[in-house]
């Protein structure tokens, strides 16, 4: 798909500086955008995981304490 985006000169200059050998500006921008979107999705998933753990923290801590109570001394 082809689209048009207006970028500041400093952004274009940065894109050109970080381009890999043979990589077009479009390819650089797509690579960076994909990376950013994947990172955003990863952070959102991590946040959901933390919220779920916190929601069940008391029960999880009780279960862990119970399991540890069965451990013998070394």
PDB file of N, CA and C in Angstrom:
ATOM      1  N   UNK A   1       0.842  -1.160   0.000  1.00  0.00           N
ATOM      2  CA  UNK A   1       0.000   0.000   0.000  1.00  0.00           C
ATOM      3  C   UNK A   1       0.894   1.232   0.000  1.00  0.00           C
ATOM      4  N   UNK A   2       0.511   2.183  -0.763  1.00  0.00           N
ATOM      5  CA  UNK A   2       1.284   3.413  -0.845  1.00  0.00           C
ATOM      6  C   UNK A   2       0.510   4.524  -0.148  1.00  0.00           C
ATOM      7  N   UNK A   3       1.243   5.308   0.645  1.00  0.00           N
ATOM      8  CA  UNK A   3       0.629   6.432   1.347  1.00  0.00           C
ATOM      9  C   UNK A   3       1.622   7.580   1.376  1.00  0.00           C
ATOM     10  N   UNK A   4       1.144   8.754   1.676  1.00  0.00           N
ATOM     11  CA  UNK A   4       2.004   9.928   1.724  1.00  0.00           C
ATOM     12  C   UNK A   4       1.990  10.500   3.132  1.00  0.00           C
ATOM     13  N   UNK A   5       3.176  10.803   3.637  1.00  0.00           N
ATOM     14  CA  UNK A   5       3.320  11.361   4.975  1.00  0.00           C
ATOM     15  C   UNK A   5       4.301  12.519   4.892  1.00  0.00           C
ATOM     16  N   UNK A   6       3.989  13.599   5.582  1.00  0.00           N
ATOM     17  CA  UNK A   6       4.892  14.743   5.635  1.00  0.00           C
ATOM     18  C   UNK A   6       5.730  14.646   6.898  1.00  0.00           C
ATOM     19  N   UNK A   7       7.055  14.728   6.738  1.00  0.00           N
ATOM     20  CA  UNK A   7       7.979  14.628   7.860  1.00  0.00           C
ATOM     21  C   UNK A   7       8.881  15.852   7.902  1.00  0.00           C
ATOM     22  N   UNK A   8       9.284  16.235   9.100  1.00  0.00           N
ATOM     23  CA  UNK A   8      10.241  17.327   9.244  1.00  0.00           C
ATOM     24  C   UNK A   8      11.582  16.918   8.659  1.00  0.00           C
ATOM     25  N   UNK A   9      12.353  17.885   8.240  1.00  0.00           N
ATOM     26  CA  UNK A   9      13.660  17.616   7.632  1.00  0.00           C
ATOM     27  C   UNK A   9      14.578  16.855   8.580  1.00  0.00           C
ATOM     28  N   UNK A  10      14.533  17.200   9.872  1.00  0.00           N
ATOM     29  CA  UNK A  10      15.413  16.517  10.820  1.00  0.00           C
ATOM     30  C   UNK A  10      15.049  15.040  10.958  1.00  0.00           C
ATOM     31  N   UNK A  11      13.769  14.722  10.844  1.00  0.00           N
ATOM     32  CA  UNK A  11      13.339  13.319  10.910  1.00  0.00           C
ATOM     33  C   UNK A  11      13.836  12.568   9.682  1.00  0.00           C
ATOM     34  N   UNK A  12      13.689  13.168   8.520  1.00  0.00           N
ATOM     35  CA  UNK A  12      14.166  12.538   7.284  1.00  0.00           C
ATOM     36  C   UNK A  12      15.676  12.341   7.342  1.00  0.00           C
ATOM     37  N   UNK A  13      16.400  13.338   7.843  1.00  0.00           N
ATOM     38  CA  UNK A  13      17.856  13.213   7.959  1.00  0.00           C
ATOM     39  C   UNK A  13      18.222  12.063   8.894  1.00  0.00           C
ATOM     40  N   UNK A  14      17.504  11.915   9.991  1.00  0.00           N
ATOM     41  CA  UNK A  14      17.752  10.821  10.927  1.00  0.00           C
ATOM     42  C   UNK A  14      17.472   9.479  10.256  1.00  0.00           C
ATOM     43  N   UNK A  15      16.369   9.390   9.539  1.00  0.00           N
ATOM     44  CA  UNK A  15      16.016   8.161   8.825  1.00  0.00           C
ATOM     45  C   UNK A  15      17.126   7.783   7.848  1.00  0.00           C
ATOM     46  N   UNK A  16      17.632   8.764   7.141  1.00  0.00           N
ATOM     47  CA  UNK A  16      18.703   8.494   6.174  1.00  0.00           C
ATOM     48  C   UNK A  16      19.984   8.053   6.871  1.00  0.00           C
ATOM     49  N   UNK A  17      20.262   8.616   8.059  1.00  0.00           N
ATOM     50  CA  UNK A  17      21.478   8.241   8.790  1.00  0.00           C
ATOM     51  C   UNK A  17      21.418   6.812   9.304  1.00  0.00           C
ATOM     52  N   UNK A  18      20.245   6.365   9.722  1.00  0.00           N
ATOM     53  CA  UNK A  18      20.165   5.028  10.325  1.00  0.00           C
ATOM     54  C   UNK A  18      19.798   3.933   9.333  1.00  0.00           C
ATOM     55  N   UNK A  19      19.597   4.310   8.087  1.00  0.00           N
ATOM     56  CA  UNK A  19      19.239   3.311   7.076  1.00  0.00           C
ATOM     57  C   UNK A  19      20.365   2.285   6.930  1.00  0.00           C
ATOM     58  N   UNK A  20      19.967   1.046   6.805  1.00  0.00           N
ATOM     59  CA  UNK A  20      20.930  -0.018   6.538  1.00  0.00           C
ATOM     60  C   UNK A  20      21.319   0.039   5.073  1.00  0.00           C
ATOM     61  N   UNK A  21      22.436  -0.561   4.757  1.00  0.00           N
ATOM     62  CA  UNK A  21      22.912  -0.543   3.379  1.00  0.00           C
ATOM     63  C   UNK A  21      21.845  -1.093   2.440  1.00  0.00           C
ATOM     64  N   UNK A  22      21.487  -0.298   1.435  1.00  0.00           N
ATOM     65  CA  UNK A  22      20.497  -0.707   0.455  1.00  0.00           C
ATOM     66  C   UNK A  22      19.057  -0.538   0.899  1.00  0.00           C
ATOM     67  N   UNK A  23      18.831  -0.012   2.095  1.00  0.00           N
ATOM     68  CA  UNK A  23      17.487   0.139   2.628  1.00  0.00           C
ATOM     69  C   UNK A  23      16.938   1.516   2.255  1.00  0.00           C
ATOM     70  N   UNK A  24      15.743   1.547   1.703  1.00  0.00           N
ATOM     71  CA  UNK A  24      15.116   2.810   1.323  1.00  0.00           C
ATOM     72  C   UNK A  24      14.549   3.515   2.552  1.00  0.00           C
ATOM     73  N   UNK A  25      14.234   4.794   2.403  1.00  0.00           N
ATOM     74  CA  UNK A  25      13.615   5.522   3.514  1.00  0.00           C
ATOM     75  C   UNK A  25      12.300   4.861   3.920  1.00  0.00           C
ATOM     76  N   UNK A  26      11.520   4.440   2.926  1.00  0.00           N
ATOM     77  CA  UNK A  26      10.250   3.776   3.236  1.00  0.00           C
ATOM     78  C   UNK A  26      10.477   2.515   4.065  1.00  0.00           C
ATOM     79  N   UNK A  27      11.491   1.760   3.713  1.00  0.00           N
ATOM     80  CA  UNK A  27      11.788   0.534   4.457  1.00  0.00           C
ATOM     81  C   UNK A  27      12.235   0.847   5.882  1.00  0.00           C
ATOM     82  N   UNK A  28      13.029   1.900   6.046  1.00  0.00           N
ATOM     83  CA  UNK A  28      13.474   2.297   7.385  1.00  0.00           C
ATOM     84  C   UNK A  28      12.269   2.695   8.228  1.00  0.00           C
ATOM     85  N   UNK A  29      11.409   3.547   7.664  1.00  0.00           N
ATOM     86  CA  UNK A  29      10.240   4.017   8.402  1.00  0.00           C
ATOM     87  C   UNK A  29       9.332   2.851   8.760  1.00  0.00           C
ATOM     88  N   UNK A  30       9.129   1.922   7.836  1.00  0.00           N
ATOM     89  CA  UNK A  30       8.292   0.757   8.127  1.00  0.00           C
ATOM     90  C   UNK A  30       8.907  -0.095   9.229  1.00  0.00           C
ATOM     91  N   UNK A  31      10.221  -0.315   9.169  1.00  0.00           N
ATOM     92  CA  UNK A  31      10.911  -1.107  10.199  1.00  0.00           C
ATOM     93  C   UNK A  31      10.760  -0.447  11.570  1.00  0.00           C
ATOM     94  N   UNK A  32      10.976   0.856  11.627  1.00  0.00           N
ATOM     95  CA  UNK A  32      10.867   1.566  12.900  1.00  0.00           C
ATOM     96  C   UNK A  32       9.434   1.568  13.426  1.00  0.00           C
ATOM     97  N   UNK A  33       8.489   1.753  12.534  1.00  0.00           N
ATOM     98  CA  UNK A  33       7.087   1.765  12.937  1.00  0.00           C
ATOM     99  C   UNK A  33       6.651   0.397  13.444  1.00  0.00           C
ATOM    100  N   UNK A  34       7.053  -0.662  12.740  1.00  0.00           N
ATOM    101  CA  UNK A  34       6.726  -2.018  13.193  1.00  0.00           C
ATOM    102  C   UNK A  34       7.304  -2.290  14.579  1.00  0.00           C
ATOM    103  N   UNK A  35       8.570  -1.891  14.750  1.00  0.00           N
ATOM    104  CA  UNK A  35       9.223  -2.092  16.045  1.00  0.00           C
ATOM    105  C   UNK A  35       8.470  -1.343  17.144  1.00  0.00           C
ATOM    106  N   UNK A  36       8.098  -0.111  16.878  1.00  0.00           N
ATOM    107  CA  UNK A  36       7.376   0.693  17.854  1.00  0.00           C
ATOM    108  C   UNK A  36       6.017   0.085  18.188  1.00  0.00           C
ATOM    109  N   UNK A  37       5.291  -0.370  17.182  1.00  0.00           N
ATOM    110  CA  UNK A  37       3.979  -0.975  17.412  1.00  0.00           C
ATOM    111  C   UNK A  37       4.098  -2.283  18.190  1.00  0.00           C
ATOM    112  N   UNK A  38       5.117  -3.085  17.871  1.00  0.00           N
ATOM    113  CA  UNK A  38       5.335  -4.338  18.605  1.00  0.00           C
ATOM    114  C   UNK A  38       5.682  -4.054  20.060  1.00  0.00           C
ATOM    115  N   UNK A  39       6.502  -3.039  20.287  1.00  0.00           N
ATOM    116  CA  UNK A  39       6.888  -2.671  21.648  1.00  0.00           C
ATOM    117  C   UNK A  39       5.676  -2.169  22.432  1.00  0.00           C
ATOM    118  N   UNK A  40       4.839  -1.387  21.796  1.00  0.00           N
ATOM    119  CA  UNK A  40       3.627  -0.889  22.439  1.00  0.00           C
ATOM    120  C   UNK A  40       2.700  -2.047  22.816  1.00  0.00           C
ATOM    121  N   UNK A  41       2.551  -3.004  21.925  1.00  0.00           N
ATOM    122  CA  UNK A  41       1.709  -4.171  22.207  1.00  0.00           C
ATOM    123  C   UNK A  41       2.296  -4.994  23.354  1.00  0.00           C
ATOM    124  N   UNK A  42       3.623  -5.131  23.381  1.00  0.00           N
ATOM    125  CA  UNK A  42       4.302  -5.883  24.452  1.00  0.00           C
ATOM    126  C   UNK A  42       4.082  -5.190  25.806  1.00  0.00           C
ATOM    127  N   UNK A  43       4.221  -3.859  25.823  1.00  0.00           N
ATOM    128  CA  UNK A  43       4.005  -3.124  27.071  1.00  0.00           C
ATOM    129  C   UNK A  43       2.560  -3.261  27.555  1.00  0.00           C
ATOM    130  N   UNK A  44       1.609  -3.216  26.635  1.00  0.00           N
ATOM    131  CA  UNK A  44       0.201  -3.363  27.006  1.00  0.00           C
ATOM    132  C   UNK A  44      -0.057  -4.748  27.591  1.00  0.00           C
ATOM    133  N   UNK A  45       0.535  -5.777  26.991  1.00  0.00           N
ATOM    134  CA  UNK A  45       0.378  -7.142  27.507  1.00  0.00           C
ATOM    135  C   UNK A  45       1.010  -7.264  28.888  1.00  0.00           C
ATOM    136  N   UNK A  46       2.201  -6.700  29.048  1.00  0.00           N
ATOM    137  CA  UNK A  46       2.861  -6.742  30.359  1.00  0.00           C
ATOM    138  C   UNK A  46       2.008  -6.050  31.415  1.00  0.00           C
ATOM    139  N   UNK A  47       1.407  -4.931  31.057  1.00  0.00           N
ATOM    140  CA  UNK A  47       0.559  -4.202  31.998  1.00  0.00           C
ATOM    141  C   UNK A  47      -0.659  -5.044  32.399  1.00  0.00           C
ATOM    142  N   UNK A  48      -1.272  -5.722  31.418  1.00  0.00           N
ATOM    143  CA  UNK A  48      -2.408  -6.599  31.734  1.00  0.00           C
ATOM    144  C   UNK A  48      -1.972  -7.735  32.657  1.00  0.00           C
ATOM    145  N   UNK A  49      -0.788  -8.294  32.408  1.00  0.00           N
ATOM    146  CA  UNK A  49      -0.272  -9.378  33.246  1.00  0.00           C
ATOM    147  C   UNK A  49      -0.062  -8.900  34.684  1.00  0.00           C
ATOM    148  N   UNK A  50       0.529  -7.713  34.839  1.00  0.00           N
ATOM    149  CA  UNK A  50       0.761  -7.164  36.172  1.00  0.00           C
ATOM    150  C   UNK A  50      -0.560  -6.935  36.892  1.00  0.00           C
ATOM    151  N   UNK A  51      -1.535  -6.400  36.188  1.00  0.00           N
ATOM    152  CA  UNK A  51      -2.845  -6.172  36.797  1.00  0.00           C
ATOM    153  C   UNK A  51      -3.489  -7.483  37.242  1.00  0.00           C
ATOM    154  N   UNK A  52      -3.346  -8.523  36.429  1.00  0.00           N
ATOM    155  CA  UNK A  52      -3.906  -9.834  36.780  1.00  0.00           C
ATOM    156  C   UNK A  52      -3.197 -10.421  38.003  1.00  0.00           C
ATOM    157  N   UNK A  53      -1.877 -10.320  38.021  1.00  0.00           N
ATOM    158  CA  UNK A  53      -1.115 -10.819  39.173  1.00  0.00           C
ATOM    159  C   UNK A  53      -1.510 -10.045  40.427  1.00  0.00           C
ATOM    160  N   UNK A  54      -1.591  -8.731  40.321  1.00  0.00           N
ATOM    161  CA  UNK A  54      -1.964  -7.921  41.485  1.00  0.00           C
ATOM    162  C   UNK A  54      -3.370  -8.249  41.968  1.00  0.00           C
ATOM    163  N   UNK A  55      -4.263  -8.535  41.041  1.00  0.00           N
ATOM    164  CA  UNK A  55      -5.637  -8.863  41.399  1.00  0.00           C
ATOM    165  C   UNK A  55      -5.697 -10.131  42.260  1.00  0.00           C
ATOM    166  N   UNK A  56      -4.775 -11.061  41.981  1.00  0.00           N
ATOM    167  CA  UNK A  56      -4.778 -12.353  42.675  1.00  0.00           C
ATOM    168  C   UNK A  56      -3.590 -12.508  43.622  1.00  0.00           C
ATOM    169  N   UNK A  57      -2.955 -11.411  43.996  1.00  0.00           N
ATOM    170  CA  UNK A  57      -1.723 -11.462  44.788  1.00  0.00           C
ATOM    171  C   UNK A  57      -1.911 -12.171  46.124  1.00  0.00           C
ATOM    172  N   UNK A  58      -2.974 -11.862  46.835  1.00  0.00           N
ATOM    173  CA  UNK A  58      -3.165 -12.490  48.153  1.00  0.00           C
ATOM    174  C   UNK A  58      -3.265 -14.001  48.042  1.00  0.00           C
ATOM    175  N   UNK A  59      -4.043 -14.466  47.074  1.00  0.00           N
ATOM    176  CA  UNK A  59      -4.207 -15.919  46.889  1.00  0.00           C
ATOM    177  C   UNK A  59      -2.884 -16.551  46.464  1.00  0.00           C
ATOM    178  N   UNK A  60      -2.176 -15.924  45.555  1.00  0.00           N
ATOM    179  CA  UNK A  60      -0.891 -16.466  45.090  1.00  0.00           C
ATOM    180  C   UNK A  60       0.128 -16.508  46.229  1.00  0.00           C
ATOM    181  N   UNK A  61       0.164 -15.459  47.038  1.00  0.00           N
ATOM    182  CA  UNK A  61       1.100 -15.435  48.166  1.00  0.00           C
ATOM    183  C   UNK A  61       0.756 -16.514  49.189  1.00  0.00           C
ATOM    184  N   UNK A  62      -0.524 -16.726  49.421  1.00  0.00           N
ATOM    185  CA  UNK A  62      -0.939 -17.774  50.363  1.00  0.00           C
ATOM    186  C   UNK A  62      -0.534 -19.152  49.849  1.00  0.00           C
ATOM    187  N   UNK A  63      -0.722 -19.386  48.573  1.00  0.00           N
ATOM    188  CA  UNK A  63      -0.328 -20.674  47.985  1.00  0.00           C
ATOM    189  C   UNK A  63       1.178 -20.868  48.078  1.00  0.00           C
ATOM    190  N   UNK A  64       1.937 -19.814  47.807  1.00  0.00           N
ATOM    191  CA  UNK A  64       3.396 -19.912  47.887  1.00  0.00           C
ATOM    192  C   UNK A  64       3.839 -20.200  49.315  1.00  0.00           C
ATOM    193  N   UNK A  65       3.231 -19.542  50.279  1.00  0.00           N
ATOM    194  CA  UNK A  65       3.575 -19.774  51.685  1.00  0.00           C
ATOM    195  C   UNK A  65       3.251 -21.214  52.080  1.00  0.00           C
ATOM    196  N   UNK A  66       2.134 -21.729  51.599  1.00  0.00           N
ATOM    197  CA  UNK A  66       1.750 -23.108  51.895  1.00  0.00           C
ATOM    198  C   UNK A  66       2.780 -24.084  51.344  1.00  0.00           C
ATOM    199  N   UNK A  67       3.178 -23.880  50.103  1.00  0.00           N
ATOM    200  CA  UNK A  67       4.178 -24.763  49.475  1.00  0.00           C
ATOM    201  C   UNK A  67       5.494 -24.690  50.236  1.00  0.00           C
ATOM    202  N   UNK A  68       5.906 -23.497  50.618  1.00  0.00           N
ATOM    203  CA  UNK A  68       7.176 -23.340  51.329  1.00  0.00           C
ATOM    204  C   UNK A  68       7.143 -23.995  52.706  1.00  0.00           C
ATOM    205  N   UNK A  69       5.959 -24.091  53.291  1.00  0.00           N
ATOM    206  CA  UNK A  69       5.858 -24.702  54.615  1.00  0.00           C
ATOM    207  C   UNK A  69       6.174 -26.201  54.583  1.00  0.00           C
ATOM    208  N   UNK A  70       6.098 -26.814  53.411  1.00  0.00           N
ATOM    209  CA  UNK A  70       6.410 -28.234  53.279  1.00  0.00           C
ATOM    210  C   UNK A  70       7.894 -28.496  53.037  1.00  0.00           C
ATOM    211  N   UNK A  71       8.659 -27.441  52.796  1.00  0.00           N
ATOM    212  CA  UNK A  71      10.088 -27.630  52.530  1.00  0.00           C
ATOM    213  C   UNK A  71      10.812 -27.989  53.811  1.00  0.00           C
ATOM    214  N   UNK A  72      11.737 -28.912  53.659  1.00  0.00           N
ATOM    215  CA  UNK A  72      12.550 -29.276  54.802  1.00  0.00           C
ATOM    216  C   UNK A  72      13.813 -28.446  54.854  1.00  0.00           C
ATOM    217  N   UNK A  73      14.471 -28.444  55.989  1.00  0.00           N
ATOM    218  CA  UNK A  73      15.739 -27.740  56.133  1.00  0.00           C
ATOM    219  C   UNK A  73      16.823 -28.487  55.368  1.00  0.00           C
ATOM    220  N   UNK A  74      17.725 -27.728  54.803  1.00  0.00           N
ATOM    221  CA  UNK A  74      18.836 -28.353  54.081  1.00  0.00           C
ATOM    222  C   UNK A  74      20.016 -28.563  54.956  1.00  0.00           C
TER     223      UNK A  74
END
